[in-house]
């Protein structure tokens, strides 16, 4: 039982490591997506933190009350990631990345997952 609970946190750790690796790349190493660069990179923020928030909620066994804790932990990690970027050559921390893109990615993914779970309930979520 305890081993199963520990294993539920493995996706959280893996996703945090992946985010850390991406944010540790100096700006010279980042690809340029031309006219779509801003869209691609900000979408990456939303996707990464959306997946991280879902991983946290999964670690909490999809407990409804813990959905907001999953969101909070994802956003707190986003703040630490922006701080980390301040030490990476050519990268700069952005509070707007956290408040807009990371936050929205986490919120939207948790909202969609919650809607999905409510639809799957036998009584239609009512």
N, C-alpha and C. Protein backbone atom coordinates (compact mmCIF):
# COMPACT_ATOMS: atom_id res chain seq x y z
N UNK A 1 0.82 -1.20 0.00
CA UNK A 1 0.00 0.00 0.00
C UNK A 1 0.87 1.26 0.00
N UNK A 2 1.87 1.29 0.87
CA UNK A 2 2.74 2.46 0.96
C UNK A 2 3.54 2.63 -0.34
N UNK A 3 4.00 1.50 -0.91
CA UNK A 3 4.75 1.55 -2.15
C UNK A 3 3.90 2.13 -3.28
N UNK A 4 2.62 1.81 -3.29
CA UNK A 4 1.72 2.34 -4.32
C UNK A 4 1.58 3.86 -4.19
N UNK A 5 1.48 4.33 -2.95
CA UNK A 5 1.39 5.78 -2.72
C UNK A 5 2.66 6.50 -3.17
N UNK A 6 3.80 5.90 -2.90
CA UNK A 6 5.07 6.49 -3.32
C UNK A 6 5.16 6.52 -4.84
N UNK A 7 4.73 5.45 -5.49
CA UNK A 7 4.78 5.38 -6.95
C UNK A 7 3.86 6.40 -7.62
N UNK A 8 2.81 6.81 -6.94
CA UNK A 8 1.92 7.83 -7.50
C UNK A 8 2.63 9.18 -7.64
N UNK A 9 3.71 9.37 -6.89
CA UNK A 9 4.47 10.62 -6.95
C UNK A 9 5.55 10.59 -8.03
N UNK A 10 5.82 9.43 -8.60
CA UNK A 10 6.85 9.33 -9.61
C UNK A 10 6.58 10.25 -10.82
N UNK A 11 5.35 10.31 -11.36
CA UNK A 11 5.11 11.24 -12.48
C UNK A 11 5.40 12.70 -12.12
N UNK A 12 5.11 13.09 -10.89
CA UNK A 12 5.39 14.46 -10.45
C UNK A 12 6.89 14.74 -10.55
N UNK A 13 7.68 13.83 -10.02
CA UNK A 13 9.14 14.01 -10.02
C UNK A 13 9.67 14.05 -11.45
N UNK A 14 9.20 13.14 -12.29
CA UNK A 14 9.67 13.09 -13.68
C UNK A 14 9.34 14.39 -14.41
N UNK A 15 8.13 14.89 -14.26
CA UNK A 15 7.72 16.12 -14.94
C UNK A 15 8.50 17.32 -14.42
N UNK A 16 8.73 17.36 -13.11
CA UNK A 16 9.53 18.46 -12.55
C UNK A 16 10.94 18.44 -13.11
N UNK A 17 11.52 17.26 -13.26
CA UNK A 17 12.88 17.14 -13.82
C UNK A 17 12.88 17.60 -15.28
N UNK A 18 11.87 17.20 -16.04
CA UNK A 18 11.78 17.61 -17.45
C UNK A 18 11.67 19.13 -17.55
N UNK A 19 10.82 19.73 -16.74
CA UNK A 19 10.69 21.20 -16.75
C UNK A 19 12.02 21.85 -16.38
N UNK A 20 12.68 21.32 -15.37
CA UNK A 20 13.98 21.85 -14.95
C UNK A 20 14.99 21.80 -16.09
N UNK A 21 15.03 20.68 -16.80
CA UNK A 21 15.99 20.51 -17.91
C UNK A 21 15.69 21.52 -19.02
N UNK A 22 14.41 21.69 -19.36
CA UNK A 22 14.06 22.67 -20.39
C UNK A 22 14.46 24.08 -19.97
N UNK A 23 14.19 24.43 -18.72
CA UNK A 23 14.49 25.80 -18.28
C UNK A 23 15.98 26.02 -18.03
N UNK A 24 16.76 24.95 -17.97
CA UNK A 24 18.20 25.08 -17.77
C UNK A 24 18.95 25.32 -19.08
N UNK A 25 18.23 25.31 -20.19
CA UNK A 25 18.86 25.53 -21.49
C UNK A 25 19.16 27.02 -21.69
N UNK A 26 20.41 27.36 -21.99
CA UNK A 26 20.72 28.76 -22.29
C UNK A 26 19.92 29.22 -23.52
N UNK A 27 19.67 30.50 -23.61
CA UNK A 27 18.85 31.01 -24.70
C UNK A 27 19.44 30.68 -26.07
N UNK A 28 20.78 30.58 -26.16
CA UNK A 28 21.42 30.23 -27.44
C UNK A 28 21.08 28.81 -27.89
N UNK A 29 20.71 27.95 -26.95
CA UNK A 29 20.39 26.55 -27.28
C UNK A 29 18.92 26.36 -27.65
N UNK A 30 18.10 27.37 -27.45
CA UNK A 30 16.67 27.23 -27.72
C UNK A 30 16.38 27.40 -29.20
N UNK A 31 15.47 26.56 -29.73
CA UNK A 31 15.12 26.72 -31.14
C UNK A 31 14.33 28.00 -31.37
N UNK A 32 14.41 28.52 -32.57
CA UNK A 32 13.62 29.69 -32.96
C UNK A 32 12.53 29.20 -33.90
N UNK A 33 11.29 29.40 -33.51
CA UNK A 33 10.16 28.94 -34.29
C UNK A 33 9.62 30.03 -35.21
N UNK A 34 10.47 31.00 -35.50
CA UNK A 34 10.09 32.06 -36.42
C UNK A 34 8.91 32.87 -35.91
N UNK A 35 7.96 33.12 -36.78
CA UNK A 35 6.79 33.94 -36.44
C UNK A 35 5.96 33.32 -35.31
N UNK A 36 6.07 31.99 -35.12
CA UNK A 36 5.27 31.30 -34.10
C UNK A 36 6.03 31.09 -32.79
N UNK A 37 7.22 31.68 -32.67
CA UNK A 37 8.07 31.43 -31.51
C UNK A 37 7.35 31.71 -30.19
N UNK A 38 6.75 32.86 -30.07
CA UNK A 38 6.06 33.24 -28.83
C UNK A 38 4.93 32.25 -28.52
N UNK A 39 4.15 31.93 -29.52
CA UNK A 39 3.00 31.02 -29.34
C UNK A 39 3.47 29.64 -28.91
N UNK A 40 4.49 29.12 -29.59
CA UNK A 40 5.00 27.78 -29.26
C UNK A 40 5.55 27.74 -27.84
N UNK A 41 6.33 28.73 -27.47
CA UNK A 41 6.97 28.70 -26.15
C UNK A 41 5.98 28.94 -25.02
N UNK A 42 5.03 29.82 -25.21
CA UNK A 42 4.04 30.04 -24.16
C UNK A 42 3.07 28.87 -24.07
N UNK A 43 2.77 28.24 -25.20
CA UNK A 43 1.96 27.02 -25.18
C UNK A 43 2.70 25.91 -24.43
N UNK A 44 4.01 25.89 -24.59
CA UNK A 44 4.82 24.91 -23.84
C UNK A 44 4.71 25.12 -22.35
N UNK A 45 4.69 26.37 -21.92
CA UNK A 45 4.48 26.67 -20.50
C UNK A 45 3.13 26.11 -20.05
N UNK A 46 2.09 26.42 -20.80
CA UNK A 46 0.75 25.98 -20.42
C UNK A 46 0.65 24.45 -20.38
N UNK A 47 1.22 23.80 -21.39
CA UNK A 47 1.17 22.34 -21.44
C UNK A 47 1.96 21.73 -20.28
N UNK A 48 3.19 22.20 -20.07
CA UNK A 48 4.03 21.62 -19.02
C UNK A 48 3.42 21.73 -17.63
N UNK A 49 2.89 22.91 -17.32
CA UNK A 49 2.31 23.09 -15.99
C UNK A 49 0.92 22.48 -15.88
N UNK A 50 0.24 22.34 -17.01
CA UNK A 50 -1.02 21.60 -17.01
C UNK A 50 -0.79 20.14 -16.67
N UNK A 51 0.22 19.55 -17.28
CA UNK A 51 0.56 18.16 -17.01
C UNK A 51 1.07 18.00 -15.58
N UNK A 52 1.86 18.96 -15.11
CA UNK A 52 2.36 18.89 -13.72
C UNK A 52 1.21 18.94 -12.73
N UNK A 53 0.25 19.83 -12.94
CA UNK A 53 -0.90 19.92 -12.04
C UNK A 53 -1.68 18.61 -12.03
N UNK A 54 -1.87 18.00 -13.20
CA UNK A 54 -2.57 16.71 -13.25
C UNK A 54 -1.78 15.63 -12.53
N UNK A 55 -0.46 15.67 -12.65
CA UNK A 55 0.37 14.68 -11.95
C UNK A 55 0.25 14.84 -10.44
N UNK A 56 0.21 16.09 -9.97
CA UNK A 56 0.00 16.30 -8.54
C UNK A 56 -1.36 15.75 -8.11
N UNK A 57 -2.38 16.04 -8.87
CA UNK A 57 -3.72 15.57 -8.50
C UNK A 57 -3.77 14.05 -8.52
N UNK A 58 -3.11 13.44 -9.50
CA UNK A 58 -3.00 11.98 -9.54
C UNK A 58 -2.31 11.46 -8.27
N UNK A 59 -1.24 12.14 -7.86
CA UNK A 59 -0.53 11.73 -6.64
C UNK A 59 -1.43 11.79 -5.42
N UNK A 60 -2.40 12.71 -5.45
CA UNK A 60 -3.39 12.82 -4.37
C UNK A 60 -4.59 11.91 -4.61
N UNK A 61 -4.44 10.94 -5.51
CA UNK A 61 -5.48 9.95 -5.82
C UNK A 61 -6.76 10.58 -6.34
N UNK A 62 -6.62 11.67 -7.09
CA UNK A 62 -7.74 12.38 -7.71
C UNK A 62 -8.77 12.84 -6.69
N UNK A 63 -8.35 13.03 -5.45
CA UNK A 63 -9.26 13.50 -4.41
C UNK A 63 -9.74 14.91 -4.75
N UNK A 64 -11.06 15.08 -4.80
CA UNK A 64 -11.65 16.35 -5.21
C UNK A 64 -11.15 17.54 -4.41
N UNK A 65 -11.07 17.37 -3.11
CA UNK A 65 -10.63 18.47 -2.25
C UNK A 65 -9.17 18.86 -2.52
N UNK A 66 -8.40 17.95 -3.05
CA UNK A 66 -6.97 18.20 -3.27
C UNK A 66 -6.68 18.84 -4.63
N UNK A 67 -7.71 19.06 -5.43
CA UNK A 67 -7.50 19.66 -6.75
C UNK A 67 -6.83 21.03 -6.62
N UNK A 68 -7.28 21.83 -5.67
CA UNK A 68 -6.71 23.16 -5.50
C UNK A 68 -5.29 23.10 -4.94
N UNK A 69 -5.01 22.08 -4.15
CA UNK A 69 -3.64 21.90 -3.66
C UNK A 69 -2.72 21.54 -4.83
N UNK A 70 -3.21 20.71 -5.74
CA UNK A 70 -2.44 20.35 -6.94
C UNK A 70 -2.14 21.60 -7.76
N UNK A 71 -3.13 22.48 -7.91
CA UNK A 71 -2.92 23.74 -8.63
C UNK A 71 -1.87 24.59 -7.92
N UNK A 72 -2.00 24.74 -6.60
CA UNK A 72 -1.08 25.56 -5.82
C UNK A 72 0.36 25.04 -5.93
N UNK A 73 0.54 23.74 -5.82
CA UNK A 73 1.89 23.18 -5.91
C UNK A 73 2.49 23.39 -7.30
N UNK A 74 1.68 23.28 -8.34
CA UNK A 74 2.18 23.52 -9.70
C UNK A 74 2.62 24.98 -9.85
N UNK A 75 1.83 25.90 -9.34
CA UNK A 75 2.17 27.32 -9.45
C UNK A 75 3.40 27.64 -8.60
N UNK A 76 3.49 27.06 -7.43
CA UNK A 76 4.68 27.29 -6.60
C UNK A 76 5.94 26.76 -7.29
N UNK A 77 5.83 25.62 -7.95
CA UNK A 77 6.99 25.11 -8.69
C UNK A 77 7.33 26.05 -9.84
N UNK A 78 6.32 26.64 -10.46
CA UNK A 78 6.56 27.60 -11.54
C UNK A 78 7.38 28.78 -11.04
N UNK A 79 7.07 29.27 -9.84
CA UNK A 79 7.86 30.36 -9.26
C UNK A 79 9.32 29.94 -9.06
N UNK A 80 9.53 28.72 -8.55
CA UNK A 80 10.91 28.27 -8.33
C UNK A 80 11.63 28.09 -9.66
N UNK A 81 10.90 27.68 -10.68
CA UNK A 81 11.51 27.50 -12.00
C UNK A 81 11.92 28.84 -12.60
N UNK A 82 11.12 29.85 -12.43
CA UNK A 82 11.49 31.18 -12.93
C UNK A 82 12.71 31.70 -12.18
N UNK A 83 12.79 31.46 -10.88
CA UNK A 83 13.97 31.85 -10.11
C UNK A 83 15.20 31.12 -10.66
N UNK A 84 15.05 29.83 -10.91
CA UNK A 84 16.14 29.03 -11.47
C UNK A 84 16.62 29.62 -12.79
N UNK A 85 15.70 30.10 -13.63
CA UNK A 85 16.09 30.67 -14.92
C UNK A 85 16.95 31.92 -14.78
N UNK A 86 16.85 32.58 -13.65
CA UNK A 86 17.66 33.79 -13.46
C UNK A 86 19.15 33.48 -13.43
N UNK A 87 19.52 32.21 -13.25
CA UNK A 87 20.92 31.80 -13.22
C UNK A 87 21.38 31.20 -14.54
N UNK A 88 20.48 31.10 -15.53
CA UNK A 88 20.80 30.48 -16.81
C UNK A 88 21.17 31.57 -17.82
N UNK A 89 22.31 31.42 -18.50
CA UNK A 89 22.75 32.44 -19.46
C UNK A 89 21.68 32.76 -20.52
N UNK A 90 21.40 34.05 -20.65
CA UNK A 90 20.45 34.50 -21.65
C UNK A 90 18.99 34.32 -21.30
N UNK A 91 18.72 33.76 -20.14
CA UNK A 91 17.33 33.54 -19.71
C UNK A 91 17.02 34.53 -18.61
N UNK A 92 15.76 34.91 -18.52
CA UNK A 92 15.34 35.88 -17.53
C UNK A 92 14.03 35.42 -16.90
N UNK A 93 13.91 35.57 -15.59
CA UNK A 93 12.65 35.18 -14.94
C UNK A 93 11.52 36.12 -15.35
N UNK A 94 10.33 35.57 -15.43
CA UNK A 94 9.17 36.37 -15.79
C UNK A 94 7.99 36.01 -14.90
N UNK A 95 7.57 36.95 -14.10
CA UNK A 95 6.40 36.75 -13.25
C UNK A 95 5.17 36.51 -14.11
N UNK A 96 5.16 37.08 -15.33
CA UNK A 96 4.01 36.93 -16.23
C UNK A 96 3.89 35.50 -16.72
N UNK A 97 5.02 34.82 -16.92
CA UNK A 97 4.94 33.41 -17.31
C UNK A 97 4.22 32.61 -16.24
N UNK A 98 4.52 32.90 -14.98
CA UNK A 98 3.89 32.18 -13.88
C UNK A 98 2.41 32.56 -13.76
N UNK A 99 2.16 33.86 -13.67
CA UNK A 99 0.79 34.32 -13.39
C UNK A 99 -0.17 34.07 -14.54
N UNK A 100 0.33 34.09 -15.76
CA UNK A 100 -0.57 33.89 -16.89
C UNK A 100 -0.47 32.46 -17.43
N UNK A 101 0.65 32.11 -18.00
CA UNK A 101 0.73 30.87 -18.76
C UNK A 101 0.80 29.62 -17.90
N UNK A 102 1.66 29.60 -16.89
CA UNK A 102 1.77 28.41 -16.03
C UNK A 102 0.49 28.23 -15.22
N UNK A 103 0.00 29.32 -14.66
CA UNK A 103 -1.23 29.30 -13.87
C UNK A 103 -2.41 28.82 -14.71
N UNK A 104 -2.59 29.42 -15.89
CA UNK A 104 -3.71 29.02 -16.74
C UNK A 104 -3.60 27.58 -17.20
N UNK A 105 -2.40 27.14 -17.54
CA UNK A 105 -2.22 25.75 -17.94
C UNK A 105 -2.65 24.79 -16.84
N UNK A 106 -2.24 25.09 -15.61
CA UNK A 106 -2.62 24.24 -14.47
C UNK A 106 -4.12 24.30 -14.23
N UNK A 107 -4.68 25.50 -14.25
CA UNK A 107 -6.12 25.64 -13.98
C UNK A 107 -6.97 24.96 -15.05
N UNK A 108 -6.64 25.17 -16.30
CA UNK A 108 -7.44 24.60 -17.39
C UNK A 108 -7.38 23.08 -17.37
N UNK A 109 -6.20 22.51 -17.17
CA UNK A 109 -6.09 21.05 -17.15
C UNK A 109 -6.87 20.44 -15.99
N UNK A 110 -6.80 21.07 -14.83
CA UNK A 110 -7.54 20.55 -13.67
C UNK A 110 -9.04 20.71 -13.87
N UNK A 111 -9.46 21.80 -14.47
CA UNK A 111 -10.88 22.02 -14.74
C UNK A 111 -11.40 20.97 -15.73
N UNK A 112 -10.63 20.74 -16.80
CA UNK A 112 -11.05 19.74 -17.79
C UNK A 112 -11.10 18.34 -17.18
N UNK A 113 -10.11 18.00 -16.38
CA UNK A 113 -10.10 16.68 -15.73
C UNK A 113 -11.27 16.54 -14.78
N UNK A 114 -11.57 17.59 -14.03
CA UNK A 114 -12.71 17.56 -13.11
C UNK A 114 -14.02 17.36 -13.87
N UNK A 115 -14.18 18.06 -14.98
CA UNK A 115 -15.38 17.89 -15.81
C UNK A 115 -15.47 16.46 -16.34
N UNK A 116 -14.34 15.92 -16.76
CA UNK A 116 -14.30 14.55 -17.27
C UNK A 116 -14.75 13.57 -16.19
N UNK A 117 -14.20 13.72 -14.98
CA UNK A 117 -14.56 12.81 -13.89
C UNK A 117 -16.04 12.94 -13.53
N UNK A 118 -16.55 14.15 -13.55
CA UNK A 118 -17.97 14.34 -13.22
C UNK A 118 -18.87 13.71 -14.27
N UNK A 119 -18.46 13.74 -15.53
CA UNK A 119 -19.26 13.10 -16.58
C UNK A 119 -19.21 11.59 -16.47
N UNK A 120 -18.12 11.06 -15.95
CA UNK A 120 -17.97 9.61 -15.81
C UNK A 120 -18.76 9.03 -14.63
N UNK A 121 -19.20 9.88 -13.71
CA UNK A 121 -19.96 9.39 -12.58
C UNK A 121 -21.32 8.88 -13.05
N UNK A 122 -21.80 7.79 -12.45
CA UNK A 122 -23.08 7.20 -12.89
C UNK A 122 -24.26 8.16 -12.88
N UNK A 123 -24.27 9.12 -11.96
CA UNK A 123 -25.39 10.06 -11.90
C UNK A 123 -25.15 11.31 -12.72
N UNK A 124 -24.10 11.31 -13.56
CA UNK A 124 -23.81 12.46 -14.40
C UNK A 124 -23.10 13.58 -13.67
N UNK A 125 -22.62 13.33 -12.47
CA UNK A 125 -21.90 14.34 -11.71
C UNK A 125 -22.81 15.23 -10.88
N UNK A 126 -24.07 14.94 -10.81
CA UNK A 126 -25.01 15.76 -10.02
C UNK A 126 -25.14 15.24 -8.62
